[in-house]
Amino acid sequence: MALKDANLVILESNYDEELLRNSHYPATVQQRIASSRGHLSNRIAAQFACELLHPNLFGILLAHLSQECNRPELALSTMEKAIRPQGFKGFLGVATQDSPTRFLDLEKLQFQKTGDEQFSLL
């Protein structure tokens, strides 16, 4: 199964580019984080998510957010600005480092997207 066939995608959204630039990390660490062998920025994760959008994608969960160089609201905002104009109406959430993620019911995600039923977490 390819990512383009997935109903739920968990994407790294590790850092906000401005927060990384203004962080206490040395330039060499910043370069490694931002390199093609480093982590995905919020912006790059959002661009990638736009490539994955298809009618059966019911949810996107953002994960592996840096505690130093990201904020859940920044990751969500960046993602929403990219995918909502593309017509994505599914679930968008963040998995935080300090608490477990709740179970997601894919059937309810599907119903939410089609408007047949309200989405809820188990």
PDB file of N, CA and C in Angstrom:
ATOM      1  N   MET A   1       0.839  -1.179   0.000  1.00  0.00           N
ATOM      2  CA  MET A   1       0.000   0.000   0.000  1.00  0.00           C
ATOM      3  C   MET A   1       0.888   1.249   0.000  1.00  0.00           C
ATOM      4  N   ALA A   2       0.618   2.159  -0.849  1.00  0.00           N
ATOM      5  CA  ALA A   2       1.368   3.409  -0.930  1.00  0.00           C
ATOM      6  C   ALA A   2       0.722   4.459  -0.034  1.00  0.00           C
ATOM      7  N   LEU A   3       1.495   5.480   0.318  1.00  0.00           N
ATOM      8  CA  LEU A   3       0.933   6.564   1.127  1.00  0.00           C
ATOM      9  C   LEU A   3      -0.257   7.216   0.442  1.00  0.00           C
ATOM     10  N   LYS A   4      -0.235   7.229  -0.881  1.00  0.00           N
ATOM     11  CA  LYS A   4      -1.341   7.852  -1.613  1.00  0.00           C
ATOM     12  C   LYS A   4      -2.631   7.060  -1.497  1.00  0.00           C
ATOM     13  N   ASP A   5      -2.573   5.840  -0.937  1.00  0.00           N
ATOM     14  CA  ASP A   5      -3.765   5.025  -0.733  1.00  0.00           C
ATOM     15  C   ASP A   5      -4.208   5.005   0.726  1.00  0.00           C
ATOM     16  N   ALA A   6      -3.455   5.639   1.610  1.00  0.00           N
ATOM     17  CA  ALA A   6      -3.723   5.558   3.044  1.00  0.00           C
ATOM     18  C   ALA A   6      -4.958   6.364   3.434  1.00  0.00           C
ATOM     19  N   ASN A   7      -5.670   5.873   4.449  1.00  0.00           N
ATOM     20  CA  ASN A   7      -6.807   6.602   5.004  1.00  0.00           C
ATOM     21  C   ASN A   7      -6.371   7.601   6.072  1.00  0.00           C
ATOM     22  N   LEU A   8      -5.300   7.276   6.765  1.00  0.00           N
ATOM     23  CA  LEU A   8      -4.746   8.136   7.808  1.00  0.00           C
ATOM     24  C   LEU A   8      -3.238   8.182   7.614  1.00  0.00           C
ATOM     25  N   VAL A   9      -2.668   9.385   7.631  1.00  0.00           N
ATOM     26  CA  VAL A   9      -1.231   9.551   7.449  1.00  0.00           C
ATOM     27  C   VAL A   9      -0.666  10.235   8.688  1.00  0.00           C
ATOM     28  N   ILE A  10       0.430   9.692   9.192  1.00  0.00           N
ATOM     29  CA  ILE A  10       1.161  10.332  10.283  1.00  0.00           C
ATOM     30  C   ILE A  10       2.418  10.930   9.665  1.00  0.00           C
ATOM     31  N   LEU A  11       2.521  12.260   9.745  1.00  0.00           N
ATOM     32  CA  LEU A  11       3.635  12.978   9.115  1.00  0.00           C
ATOM     33  C   LEU A  11       4.481  13.688  10.162  1.00  0.00           C
ATOM     34  N   GLU A  12       5.791  13.605   9.987  1.00  0.00           N
ATOM     35  CA  GLU A  12       6.667  14.424  10.811  1.00  0.00           C
ATOM     36  C   GLU A  12       6.460  15.888  10.423  1.00  0.00           C
ATOM     37  N   SER A  13       6.365  16.726  11.419  1.00  0.00           N
ATOM     38  CA  SER A  13       6.305  18.172  11.225  1.00  0.00           C
ATOM     39  C   SER A  13       7.196  18.742  12.327  1.00  0.00           C
ATOM     40  N   ASN A  14       8.499  18.595  12.155  1.00  0.00           N
ATOM     41  CA  ASN A  14       9.444  18.737  13.252  1.00  0.00           C
ATOM     42  C   ASN A  14       9.704  20.166  13.692  1.00  0.00           C
ATOM     43  N   TYR A  15       9.850  21.090  12.755  1.00  0.00           N
ATOM     44  CA  TYR A  15      10.280  22.421  13.181  1.00  0.00           C
ATOM     45  C   TYR A  15       9.655  23.526  12.338  1.00  0.00           C
ATOM     46  N   ASP A  16       9.542  24.677  12.970  1.00  0.00           N
ATOM     47  CA  ASP A  16       9.170  25.912  12.291  1.00  0.00           C
ATOM     48  C   ASP A  16      10.479  26.567  11.854  1.00  0.00           C
ATOM     49  N   GLU A  17      10.564  26.958  10.606  1.00  0.00           N
ATOM     50  CA  GLU A  17      11.830  27.465  10.068  1.00  0.00           C
ATOM     51  C   GLU A  17      12.336  28.698  10.814  1.00  0.00           C
ATOM     52  N   GLU A  18      11.449  29.602  11.180  1.00  0.00           N
ATOM     53  CA  GLU A  18      11.874  30.807  11.897  1.00  0.00           C
ATOM     54  C   GLU A  18      12.345  30.476  13.315  1.00  0.00           C
ATOM     55  N   LEU A  19      11.602  29.599  13.994  1.00  0.00           N
ATOM     56  CA  LEU A  19      12.032  29.206  15.339  1.00  0.00           C
ATOM     57  C   LEU A  19      13.385  28.500  15.302  1.00  0.00           C
ATOM     58  N   LEU A  20      13.629  27.696  14.283  1.00  0.00           N
ATOM     59  CA  LEU A  20      14.936  27.037  14.157  1.00  0.00           C
ATOM     60  C   LEU A  20      16.037  28.075  13.946  1.00  0.00           C
ATOM     61  N   ARG A  21      15.809  29.033  13.044  1.00  0.00           N
ATOM     62  CA  ARG A  21      16.821  30.076  12.777  1.00  0.00           C
ATOM     63  C   ARG A  21      17.159  30.871  14.041  1.00  0.00           C
ATOM     64  N   ASN A  22      16.147  31.100  14.880  1.00  0.00           N
ATOM     65  CA  ASN A  22      16.340  31.902  16.090  1.00  0.00           C
ATOM     66  C   ASN A  22      16.644  31.065  17.331  1.00  0.00           C
ATOM     67  N   SER A  23      16.880  29.780  17.141  1.00  0.00           N
ATOM     68  CA  SER A  23      17.125  28.891  18.281  1.00  0.00           C
ATOM     69  C   SER A  23      18.559  29.033  18.793  1.00  0.00           C
ATOM     70  N   HIS A  24      18.816  28.396  19.922  1.00  0.00           N
ATOM     71  CA  HIS A  24      20.156  28.396  20.512  1.00  0.00           C
ATOM     72  C   HIS A  24      21.085  27.386  19.841  1.00  0.00           C
ATOM     73  N   TYR A  25      20.561  26.594  18.909  1.00  0.00           N
ATOM     74  CA  TYR A  25      21.381  25.579  18.250  1.00  0.00           C
ATOM     75  C   TYR A  25      22.476  26.233  17.412  1.00  0.00           C
ATOM     76  N   PRO A  26      23.685  25.664  17.432  1.00  0.00           N
ATOM     77  CA  PRO A  26      24.748  26.177  16.558  1.00  0.00           C
ATOM     78  C   PRO A  26      24.359  26.018  15.086  1.00  0.00           C
ATOM     79  N   ALA A  27      24.987  26.799  14.241  1.00  0.00           N
ATOM     80  CA  ALA A  27      24.668  26.779  12.807  1.00  0.00           C
ATOM     81  C   ALA A  27      24.810  25.384  12.212  1.00  0.00           C
ATOM     82  N   THR A  28      25.800  24.623  12.660  1.00  0.00           N
ATOM     83  CA  THR A  28      25.988  23.273  12.107  1.00  0.00           C
ATOM     84  C   THR A  28      24.807  22.362  12.436  1.00  0.00           C
ATOM     85  N   VAL A  29      24.268  22.492  13.631  1.00  0.00           N
ATOM     86  CA  VAL A  29      23.106  21.680  14.023  1.00  0.00           C
ATOM     87  C   VAL A  29      21.873  22.143  13.251  1.00  0.00           C
ATOM     88  N   GLN A  30      21.711  23.450  13.116  1.00  0.00           N
ATOM     89  CA  GLN A  30      20.580  23.974  12.339  1.00  0.00           C
ATOM     90  C   GLN A  30      20.635  23.465  10.901  1.00  0.00           C
ATOM     91  N   GLN A  31      21.828  23.467  10.322  1.00  0.00           N
ATOM     92  CA  GLN A  31      21.982  22.985   8.942  1.00  0.00           C
ATOM     93  C   GLN A  31      21.650  21.505   8.831  1.00  0.00           C
ATOM     94  N   ARG A  32      22.067  20.707   9.817  1.00  0.00           N
ATOM     95  CA  ARG A  32      21.760  19.278   9.792  1.00  0.00           C
ATOM     96  C   ARG A  32      20.259  19.050   9.907  1.00  0.00           C
ATOM     97  N   ILE A  33      19.610  19.752  10.821  1.00  0.00           N
ATOM     98  CA  ILE A  33      18.164  19.598  11.012  1.00  0.00           C
ATOM     99  C   ILE A  33      17.422  19.946   9.728  1.00  0.00           C
ATOM    100  N   ALA A  34      17.830  21.030   9.074  1.00  0.00           N
ATOM    101  CA  ALA A  34      17.131  21.523   7.883  1.00  0.00           C
ATOM    102  C   ALA A  34      17.577  20.839   6.593  1.00  0.00           C
ATOM    103  N   SER A  35      18.546  19.943   6.667  1.00  0.00           N
ATOM    104  CA  SER A  35      19.048  19.300   5.450  1.00  0.00           C
ATOM    105  C   SER A  35      18.100  18.208   4.961  1.00  0.00           C
ATOM    106  N   SER A  36      18.387  17.696   3.784  1.00  0.00           N
ATOM    107  CA  SER A  36      17.566  16.616   3.221  1.00  0.00           C
ATOM    108  C   SER A  36      17.712  15.320   4.013  1.00  0.00           C
ATOM    109  N   ARG A  37      18.692  15.248   4.879  1.00  0.00           N
ATOM    110  CA  ARG A  37      18.874  14.079   5.753  1.00  0.00           C
ATOM    111  C   ARG A  37      18.485  14.398   7.187  1.00  0.00           C
ATOM    112  N   GLY A  38      17.856  15.543   7.384  1.00  0.00           N
ATOM    113  CA  GLY A  38      17.460  15.959   8.723  1.00  0.00           C
ATOM    114  C   GLY A  38      15.992  15.680   8.984  1.00  0.00           C
ATOM    115  N   HIS A  39      15.265  16.723   9.308  1.00  0.00           N
ATOM    116  CA  HIS A  39      13.857  16.608   9.671  1.00  0.00           C
ATOM    117  C   HIS A  39      12.989  17.398   8.696  1.00  0.00           C
ATOM    118  N   LEU A  40      11.689  17.141   8.742  1.00  0.00           N
ATOM    119  CA  LEU A  40      10.748  17.886   7.901  1.00  0.00           C
ATOM    120  C   LEU A  40      10.272  19.132   8.642  1.00  0.00           C
ATOM    121  N   SER A  41      10.369  20.265   7.983  1.00  0.00           N
ATOM    122  CA  SER A  41       9.808  21.495   8.541  1.00  0.00           C
ATOM    123  C   SER A  41       8.294  21.457   8.391  1.00  0.00           C
ATOM    124  N   ASN A  42       7.620  22.345   9.086  1.00  0.00           N
ATOM    125  CA  ASN A  42       6.168  22.453   8.933  1.00  0.00           C
ATOM    126  C   ASN A  42       5.805  22.731   7.476  1.00  0.00           C
ATOM    127  N   ARG A  43       6.569  23.617   6.836  1.00  0.00           N
ATOM    128  CA  ARG A  43       6.284  23.996   5.450  1.00  0.00           C
ATOM    129  C   ARG A  43       6.448  22.812   4.493  1.00  0.00           C
ATOM    130  N   ILE A  44       7.528  22.072   4.640  1.00  0.00           N
ATOM    131  CA  ILE A  44       7.770  20.922   3.759  1.00  0.00           C
ATOM    132  C   ILE A  44       6.748  19.822   4.028  1.00  0.00           C
ATOM    133  N   ALA A  45       6.405  19.602   5.286  1.00  0.00           N
ATOM    134  CA  ALA A  45       5.380  18.602   5.614  1.00  0.00           C
ATOM    135  C   ALA A  45       4.052  18.978   4.962  1.00  0.00           C
ATOM    136  N   ALA A  46       3.715  20.260   4.974  1.00  0.00           N
ATOM    137  CA  ALA A  46       2.466  20.717   4.361  1.00  0.00           C
ATOM    138  C   ALA A  46       2.496  20.526   2.845  1.00  0.00           C
ATOM    139  N   GLN A  47       3.628  20.823   2.219  1.00  0.00           N
ATOM    140  CA  GLN A  47       3.751  20.595   0.774  1.00  0.00           C
ATOM    141  C   GLN A  47       3.595  19.119   0.445  1.00  0.00           C
ATOM    142  N   PHE A  48       4.217  18.264   1.243  1.00  0.00           N
ATOM    143  CA  PHE A  48       4.127  16.825   1.026  1.00  0.00           C
ATOM    144  C   PHE A  48       2.693  16.343   1.223  1.00  0.00           C
ATOM    145  N   ALA A  49       2.024  16.854   2.240  1.00  0.00           N
ATOM    146  CA  ALA A  49       0.627  16.462   2.484  1.00  0.00           C
ATOM    147  C   ALA A  49      -0.248  16.810   1.287  1.00  0.00           C
ATOM    148  N   CYS A  50      -0.012  17.946   0.668  1.00  0.00           N
ATOM    149  CA  CYS A  50      -0.798  18.326  -0.518  1.00  0.00           C
ATOM    150  C   CYS A  50      -0.635  17.305  -1.638  1.00  0.00           C
ATOM    151  N   GLU A  51       0.541  16.706  -1.745  1.00  0.00           N
ATOM    152  CA  GLU A  51       0.772  15.682  -2.769  1.00  0.00           C
ATOM    153  C   GLU A  51       0.062  14.374  -2.439  1.00  0.00           C
ATOM    154  N   LEU A  52      -0.234  14.158  -1.166  1.00  0.00           N
ATOM    155  CA  LEU A  52      -0.864  12.911  -0.726  1.00  0.00           C
ATOM    156  C   LEU A  52      -2.386  12.956  -0.741  1.00  0.00           C
ATOM    157  N   LEU A  53      -2.965  14.127  -0.910  1.00  0.00           N
ATOM    158  CA  LEU A  53      -4.420  14.256  -0.802  1.00  0.00           C
ATOM    159  C   LEU A  53      -5.130  13.413  -1.853  1.00  0.00           C
ATOM    160  N   HIS A  54      -6.145  12.684  -1.405  1.00  0.00           N
ATOM    161  CA  HIS A  54      -7.002  11.890  -2.286  1.00  0.00           C
ATOM    162  C   HIS A  54      -8.340  11.710  -1.571  1.00  0.00           C
ATOM    163  N   PRO A  55      -9.384  11.316  -2.282  1.00  0.00           N
ATOM    164  CA  PRO A  55     -10.727  11.259  -1.686  1.00  0.00           C
ATOM    165  C   PRO A  55     -10.864  10.358  -0.464  1.00  0.00           C
ATOM    166  N   ASN A  56     -10.025   9.341  -0.323  1.00  0.00           N
ATOM    167  CA  ASN A  56     -10.158   8.427   0.812  1.00  0.00           C
ATOM    168  C   ASN A  56      -9.218   8.738   1.970  1.00  0.00           C
ATOM    169  N   LEU A  57      -8.530   9.878   1.917  1.00  0.00           N
ATOM    170  CA  LEU A  57      -7.691  10.292   3.038  1.00  0.00           C
ATOM    171  C   LEU A  57      -8.584  11.005   4.045  1.00  0.00           C
ATOM    172  N   PHE A  58      -8.749  10.391   5.205  1.00  0.00           N
ATOM    173  CA  PHE A  58      -9.678  10.909   6.205  1.00  0.00           C
ATOM    174  C   PHE A  58      -8.985  11.658   7.332  1.00  0.00           C
ATOM    175  N   GLY A  59      -7.674  11.504   7.452  1.00  0.00           N
ATOM    176  CA  GLY A  59      -7.005  12.172   8.556  1.00  0.00           C
ATOM    177  C   GLY A  59      -5.510  12.299   8.374  1.00  0.00           C
ATOM    178  N   ILE A  60      -4.975  13.377   8.960  1.00  0.00           N
ATOM    179  CA  ILE A  60      -3.535  13.623   8.988  1.00  0.00           C
ATOM    180  C   ILE A  60      -3.174  13.925  10.437  1.00  0.00           C
ATOM    181  N   LEU A  61      -2.212  13.184  10.947  1.00  0.00           N
ATOM    182  CA  LEU A  61      -1.727  13.391  12.305  1.00  0.00           C
ATOM    183  C   LEU A  61      -0.277  13.851  12.212  1.00  0.00           C
ATOM    184  N   LEU A  62       0.008  15.018  12.764  1.00  0.00           N
ATOM    185  CA  LEU A  62       1.365  15.566  12.744  1.00  0.00           C
ATOM    186  C   LEU A  62       2.121  15.046  13.960  1.00  0.00           C
ATOM    187  N   ALA A  63       3.364  14.620  13.741  1.00  0.00           N
ATOM    188  CA  ALA A  63       4.126  13.989  14.813  1.00  0.00           C
ATOM    189  C   ALA A  63       5.577  14.462  14.819  1.00  0.00           C
ATOM    190  N   HIS A  64       6.278  14.094  15.878  1.00  0.00           N
ATOM    191  CA  HIS A  64       7.700  14.367  16.066  1.00  0.00           C
ATOM    192  C   HIS A  64       7.995  15.863  16.032  1.00  0.00           C
ATOM    193  N   LEU A  65       7.142  16.651  16.693  1.00  0.00           N
ATOM    194  CA  LEU A  65       7.359  18.088  16.787  1.00  0.00           C
ATOM    195  C   LEU A  65       8.497  18.376  17.767  1.00  0.00           C
ATOM    196  N   SER A  66       9.410  19.229  17.364  1.00  0.00           N
ATOM    197  CA  SER A  66      10.496  19.653  18.239  1.00  0.00           C
ATOM    198  C   SER A  66       9.927  20.476  19.387  1.00  0.00           C
ATOM    199  N   GLN A  67      10.390  20.177  20.600  1.00  0.00           N
ATOM    200  CA  GLN A  67       9.960  20.978  21.743  1.00  0.00           C
ATOM    201  C   GLN A  67      10.652  22.332  21.754  1.00  0.00           C
ATOM    202  N   GLU A  68      11.807  22.413  21.116  1.00  0.00           N
ATOM    203  CA  GLU A  68      12.577  23.654  21.082  1.00  0.00           C
ATOM    204  C   GLU A  68      12.199  24.558  19.907  1.00  0.00           C
ATOM    205  N   CYS A  69      11.877  23.964  18.759  1.00  0.00           N
ATOM    206  CA  CYS A  69      11.746  24.736  17.522  1.00  0.00           C
ATOM    207  C   CYS A  69      10.389  24.585  16.853  1.00  0.00           C
ATOM    208  N   ASN A  70       9.377  24.256  17.619  1.00  0.00           N
ATOM    209  CA  ASN A  70       8.038  24.143  17.037  1.00  0.00           C
ATOM    210  C   ASN A  70       6.990  24.318  18.122  1.00  0.00           C
ATOM    211  N   ARG A  71       5.785  24.559  17.703  1.00  0.00           N
ATOM    212  CA  ARG A  71       4.622  24.634  18.581  1.00  0.00           C
ATOM    213  C   ARG A  71       3.478  23.943  17.850  1.00  0.00           C
ATOM    214  N   PRO A  72       2.638  23.198  18.570  1.00  0.00           N
ATOM    215  CA  PRO A  72       1.514  22.524  17.906  1.00  0.00           C
ATOM    216  C   PRO A  72       0.659  23.469  17.070  1.00  0.00           C
ATOM    217  N   GLU A  73       0.401  24.669  17.592  1.00  0.00           N
ATOM    218  CA  GLU A  73      -0.450  25.606  16.853  1.00  0.00           C
ATOM    219  C   GLU A  73       0.217  26.087  15.562  1.00  0.00           C
ATOM    220  N   LEU A  74       1.544  26.199  15.549  1.00  0.00           N
ATOM    221  CA  LEU A  74       2.251  26.588  14.323  1.00  0.00           C
ATOM    222  C   LEU A  74       2.191  25.473  13.287  1.00  0.00           C
ATOM    223  N   ALA A  75       2.416  24.242  13.737  1.00  0.00           N
ATOM    224  CA  ALA A  75       2.362  23.102  12.815  1.00  0.00           C
ATOM    225  C   ALA A  75       0.961  22.963  12.221  1.00  0.00           C
ATOM    226  N   LEU A  76      -0.065  23.067  13.072  1.00  0.00           N
ATOM    227  CA  LEU A  76      -1.450  22.951  12.592  1.00  0.00           C
ATOM    228  C   LEU A  76      -1.803  24.074  11.628  1.00  0.00           C
ATOM    229  N   SER A  77      -1.436  25.286  11.976  1.00  0.00           N
ATOM    230  CA  SER A  77      -1.760  26.436  11.131  1.00  0.00           C
ATOM    231  C   SER A  77      -1.111  26.324   9.753  1.00  0.00           C
ATOM    232  N   THR A  78       0.158  25.948   9.727  1.00  0.00           N
ATOM    233  CA  THR A  78       0.864  25.790   8.452  1.00  0.00           C
ATOM    234  C   THR A  78       0.202  24.720   7.601  1.00  0.00           C
ATOM    235  N   MET A  79      -0.151  23.596   8.239  1.00  0.00           N
ATOM    236  CA  MET A  79      -0.788  22.499   7.506  1.00  0.00           C
ATOM    237  C   MET A  79      -2.169  22.915   7.001  1.00  0.00           C
ATOM    238  N   GLU A  80      -2.955  23.535   7.854  1.00  0.00           N
ATOM    239  CA  GLU A  80      -4.309  23.941   7.445  1.00  0.00           C
ATOM    240  C   GLU A  80      -4.277  24.904   6.266  1.00  0.00           C
ATOM    241  N   LYS A  81      -3.367  25.864   6.294  1.00  0.00           N
ATOM    242  CA  LYS A  81      -3.270  26.838   5.204  1.00  0.00           C
ATOM    243  C   LYS A  81      -2.939  26.175   3.873  1.00  0.00           C
ATOM    244  N   ALA A  82      -2.271  25.027   3.926  1.00  0.00           N
ATOM    245  CA  ALA A  82      -1.900  24.319   2.697  1.00  0.00           C
ATOM    246  C   ALA A  82      -2.995  23.378   2.220  1.00  0.00           C
ATOM    247  N   ILE A  83      -3.596  22.601   3.121  1.00  0.00           N
ATOM    248  CA  ILE A  83      -4.496  21.523   2.684  1.00  0.00           C
ATOM    249  C   ILE A  83      -5.961  21.911   2.613  1.00  0.00           C
ATOM    250  N   ARG A  84      -6.406  22.838   3.445  1.00  0.00           N
ATOM    251  CA  ARG A  84      -7.837  23.197   3.413  1.00  0.00           C
ATOM    252  C   ARG A  84      -8.232  23.813   2.068  1.00  0.00           C
ATOM    253  N   PRO A  85      -7.430  24.723   1.483  1.00  0.00           N
ATOM    254  CA  PRO A  85      -7.793  25.256   0.161  1.00  0.00           C
ATOM    255  C   PRO A  85      -7.811  24.190  -0.938  1.00  0.00           C
ATOM    256  N   GLN A  86      -7.126  23.072  -0.695  1.00  0.00           N
ATOM    257  CA  GLN A  86      -7.122  21.965  -1.663  1.00  0.00           C
ATOM    258  C   GLN A  86      -8.359  21.083  -1.508  1.00  0.00           C
ATOM    259  N   GLY A  87      -9.232  21.434  -0.567  1.00  0.00           N
ATOM    260  CA  GLY A  87     -10.473  20.690  -0.381  1.00  0.00           C
ATOM    261  C   GLY A  87     -10.437  19.628   0.698  1.00  0.00           C
ATOM    262  N   PHE A  88      -9.342  19.523   1.450  1.00  0.00           N
ATOM    263  CA  PHE A  88      -9.281  18.515   2.509  1.00  0.00           C
ATOM    264  C   PHE A  88     -10.199  18.919   3.653  1.00  0.00           C
ATOM    265  N   LYS A  89     -11.144  18.041   3.979  1.00  0.00           N
ATOM    266  CA  LYS A  89     -12.105  18.319   5.044  1.00  0.00           C
ATOM    267  C   LYS A  89     -11.979  17.327   6.197  1.00  0.00           C
ATOM    268  N   GLY A  90     -10.940  16.506   6.159  1.00  0.00           N
ATOM    269  CA  GLY A  90     -10.775  15.460   7.159  1.00  0.00           C
ATOM    270  C   GLY A  90     -10.178  15.951   8.464  1.00  0.00           C
ATOM    271  N   PHE A  91      -9.875  14.993   9.321  1.00  0.00           N
ATOM    272  CA  PHE A  91      -9.294  15.241  10.631  1.00  0.00           C
ATOM    273  C   PHE A  91      -7.849  15.703  10.482  1.00  0.00           C
ATOM    274  N   LEU A  92      -7.485  16.709  11.268  1.00  0.00           N
ATOM    275  CA  LEU A  92      -6.106  17.168  11.344  1.00  0.00           C
ATOM    276  C   LEU A  92      -5.766  17.315  12.816  1.00  0.00           C
ATOM    277  N   GLY A  93      -4.738  16.627  13.261  1.00  0.00           N
ATOM    278  CA  GLY A  93      -4.365  16.674  14.670  1.00  0.00           C
ATOM    279  C   GLY A  93      -2.866  16.623  14.859  1.00  0.00           C
ATOM    280  N   VAL A  94      -2.451  16.757  16.128  1.00  0.00           N
ATOM    281  CA  VAL A  94      -1.038  16.746  16.494  1.00  0.00           C
ATOM    282  C   VAL A  94      -0.816  15.708  17.587  1.00  0.00           C
ATOM    283  N   ALA A  95       0.211  14.903  17.422  1.00  0.00           N
ATOM    284  CA  ALA A  95       0.663  13.993  18.476  1.00  0.00           C
ATOM    285  C   ALA A  95       1.765  14.720  19.240  1.00  0.00           C
ATOM    286  N   THR A  96       1.553  14.934  20.517  1.00  0.00           N
ATOM    287  CA  THR A  96       2.550  15.643  21.316  1.00  0.00           C
ATOM    288  C   THR A  96       3.503  14.652  21.973  1.00  0.00           C
ATOM    289  N   GLN A  97       4.660  15.165  22.384  1.00  0.00           N
ATOM    290  CA  GLN A  97       5.673  14.307  22.997  1.00  0.00           C
ATOM    291  C   GLN A  97       5.357  13.958  24.441  1.00  0.00           C
ATOM    292  N   ASP A  98       4.569  14.790  25.094  1.00  0.00           N
ATOM    293  CA  ASP A  98       4.374  14.614  26.529  1.00  0.00           C
ATOM    294  C   ASP A  98       3.076  13.914  26.927  1.00  0.00           C
ATOM    295  N   SER A  99       2.305  13.476  25.953  1.00  0.00           N
ATOM    296  CA  SER A  99       1.082  12.743  26.294  1.00  0.00           C
ATOM    297  C   SER A  99       0.753  11.759  25.181  1.00  0.00           C
ATOM    298  N   PRO A 100       0.120  10.633  25.545  1.00  0.00           N
ATOM    299  CA  PRO A 100      -0.226   9.651  24.515  1.00  0.00           C
ATOM    300  C   PRO A 100      -1.300  10.186  23.575  1.00  0.00           C
ATOM    301  N   THR A 101      -1.239   9.732  22.361  1.00  0.00           N
ATOM    302  CA  THR A 101      -2.257  10.089  21.378  1.00  0.00           C
ATOM    303  C   THR A 101      -3.450   9.165  21.568  1.00  0.00           C
ATOM    304  N   ARG A 102      -4.626   9.715  21.476  1.00  0.00           N
ATOM    305  CA  ARG A 102      -5.828   8.895  21.593  1.00  0.00           C
ATOM    306  C   ARG A 102      -5.999   8.026  20.358  1.00  0.00           C
ATOM    307  N   PHE A 103      -6.781   6.977  20.514  1.00  0.00           N
ATOM    308  CA  PHE A 103      -7.102   6.128  19.374  1.00  0.00           C
ATOM    309  C   PHE A 103      -7.984   6.903  18.405  1.00  0.00           C
ATOM    310  N   LEU A 104      -7.739   6.725  17.129  1.00  0.00           N
ATOM    311  CA  LEU A 104      -8.560   7.352  16.101  1.00  0.00           C
ATOM    312  C   LEU A 104      -9.391   6.268  15.431  1.00  0.00           C
ATOM    313  N   ASP A 105     -10.669   6.470  15.350  1.00  0.00           N
ATOM    314  CA  ASP A 105     -11.587   5.518  14.727  1.00  0.00           C
ATOM    315  C   ASP A 105     -11.730   5.892  13.255  1.00  0.00           C
ATOM    316  N   LEU A 106     -11.136   5.094  12.368  1.00  0.00           N
ATOM    317  CA  LEU A 106     -11.154   5.425  10.942  1.00  0.00           C
ATOM    318  C   LEU A 106     -12.563   5.461  10.373  1.00  0.00           C
ATOM    319  N   GLU A 107     -13.456   4.630  10.879  1.00  0.00           N
ATOM    320  CA  GLU A 107     -14.843   4.681  10.396  1.00  0.00           C
ATOM    321  C   GLU A 107     -15.464   6.024  10.726  1.00  0.00           C
ATOM    322  N   LYS A 108     -15.216   6.523  11.922  1.00  0.00           N
ATOM    323  CA  LYS A 108     -15.775   7.827  12.285  1.00  0.00           C
ATOM    324  C   LYS A 108     -15.106   8.947  11.500  1.00  0.00           C
ATOM    325  N   LEU A 109     -13.808   8.793  11.225  1.00  0.00           N
ATOM    326  CA  LEU A 109     -13.142   9.780  10.375  1.00  0.00           C
ATOM    327  C   LEU A 109     -13.785   9.808   8.994  1.00  0.00           C
ATOM    328  N   GLN A 110     -14.093   8.643   8.458  1.00  0.00           N
ATOM    329  CA  GLN A 110     -14.733   8.559   7.145  1.00  0.00           C
ATOM    330  C   GLN A 110     -16.104   9.218   7.188  1.00  0.00           C
ATOM    331  N   PHE A 111     -16.877   8.946   8.231  1.00  0.00           N
ATOM    332  CA  PHE A 111     -18.203   9.546   8.346  1.00  0.00           C
ATOM    333  C   PHE A 111     -18.110  11.063   8.473  1.00  0.00           C
ATOM    334  N   GLN A 112     -17.112  11.532   9.214  1.00  0.00           N
ATOM    335  CA  GLN A 112     -16.955  12.973   9.368  1.00  0.00           C
ATOM    336  C   GLN A 112     -16.702  13.623   8.018  1.00  0.00           C
ATOM    337  N   LYS A 113     -15.833  13.003   7.227  1.00  0.00           N
ATOM    338  CA  LYS A 113     -15.477  13.593   5.939  1.00  0.00           C
ATOM    339  C   LYS A 113     -16.665  13.622   4.993  1.00  0.00           C
ATOM    340  N   THR A 114     -17.494  12.585   5.053  1.00  0.00           N
ATOM    341  CA  THR A 114     -18.648  12.535   4.163  1.00  0.00           C
ATOM    342  C   THR A 114     -19.846  13.266   4.755  1.00  0.00           C
ATOM    343  N   GLY A 115     -19.729  13.660   6.025  1.00  0.00           N
ATOM    344  CA  GLY A 115     -20.812  14.393   6.654  1.00  0.00           C
ATOM    345  C   GLY A 115     -21.912  13.515   7.205  1.00  0.00           C
ATOM    346  N   ASP A 116     -21.709  12.198   7.222  1.00  0.00           N
ATOM    347  CA  ASP A 116     -22.749  11.297   7.701  1.00  0.00           C
ATOM    348  C   ASP A 116     -22.814  11.222   9.221  1.00  0.00           C
ATOM    349  N   GLU A 117     -21.732  11.533   9.899  1.00  0.00           N
ATOM    350  CA  GLU A 117     -21.691  11.405  11.351  1.00  0.00           C
ATOM    351  C   GLU A 117     -20.613  12.320  11.900  1.00  0.00           C
ATOM    352  N   GLN A 118     -20.785  12.768  13.121  1.00  0.00           N
ATOM    353  CA  GLN A 118     -19.808  13.625  13.774  1.00  0.00           C
ATOM    354  C   GLN A 118     -18.571  12.812  14.147  1.00  0.00           C
ATOM    355  N   PHE A 119     -17.395  13.387  13.999  1.00  0.00           N
ATOM    356  CA  PHE A 119     -16.161  12.707  14.383  1.00  0.00           C
ATOM    357  C   PHE A 119     -16.003  12.745  15.893  1.00  0.00           C
ATOM    358  N   SER A 120     -15.494  11.662  16.449  1.00  0.00           N
ATOM    359  CA  SER A 120     -15.130  11.661  17.862  1.00  0.00           C
ATOM    360  C   SER A 120     -13.957  10.724  18.068  1.00  0.00           C
ATOM    361  N   LEU A 121     -13.189  11.000  19.093  1.00  0.00           N
ATOM    362  CA  LEU A 121     -12.081  10.128  19.455  1.00  0.00           C
ATOM    363  C   LEU A 121     -12.603   9.045  20.369  1.00  0.00           C
ATOM    364  N   LEU A 122     -12.019   7.847  20.276  1.00  0.00           N
ATOM    365  CA  LEU A 122     -12.405   6.755  21.178  1.00  0.00           C
ATOM    366  C   LEU A 122     -11.989   7.073  22.587  1.00  0.00           C
TER     367      LEU A 122
END
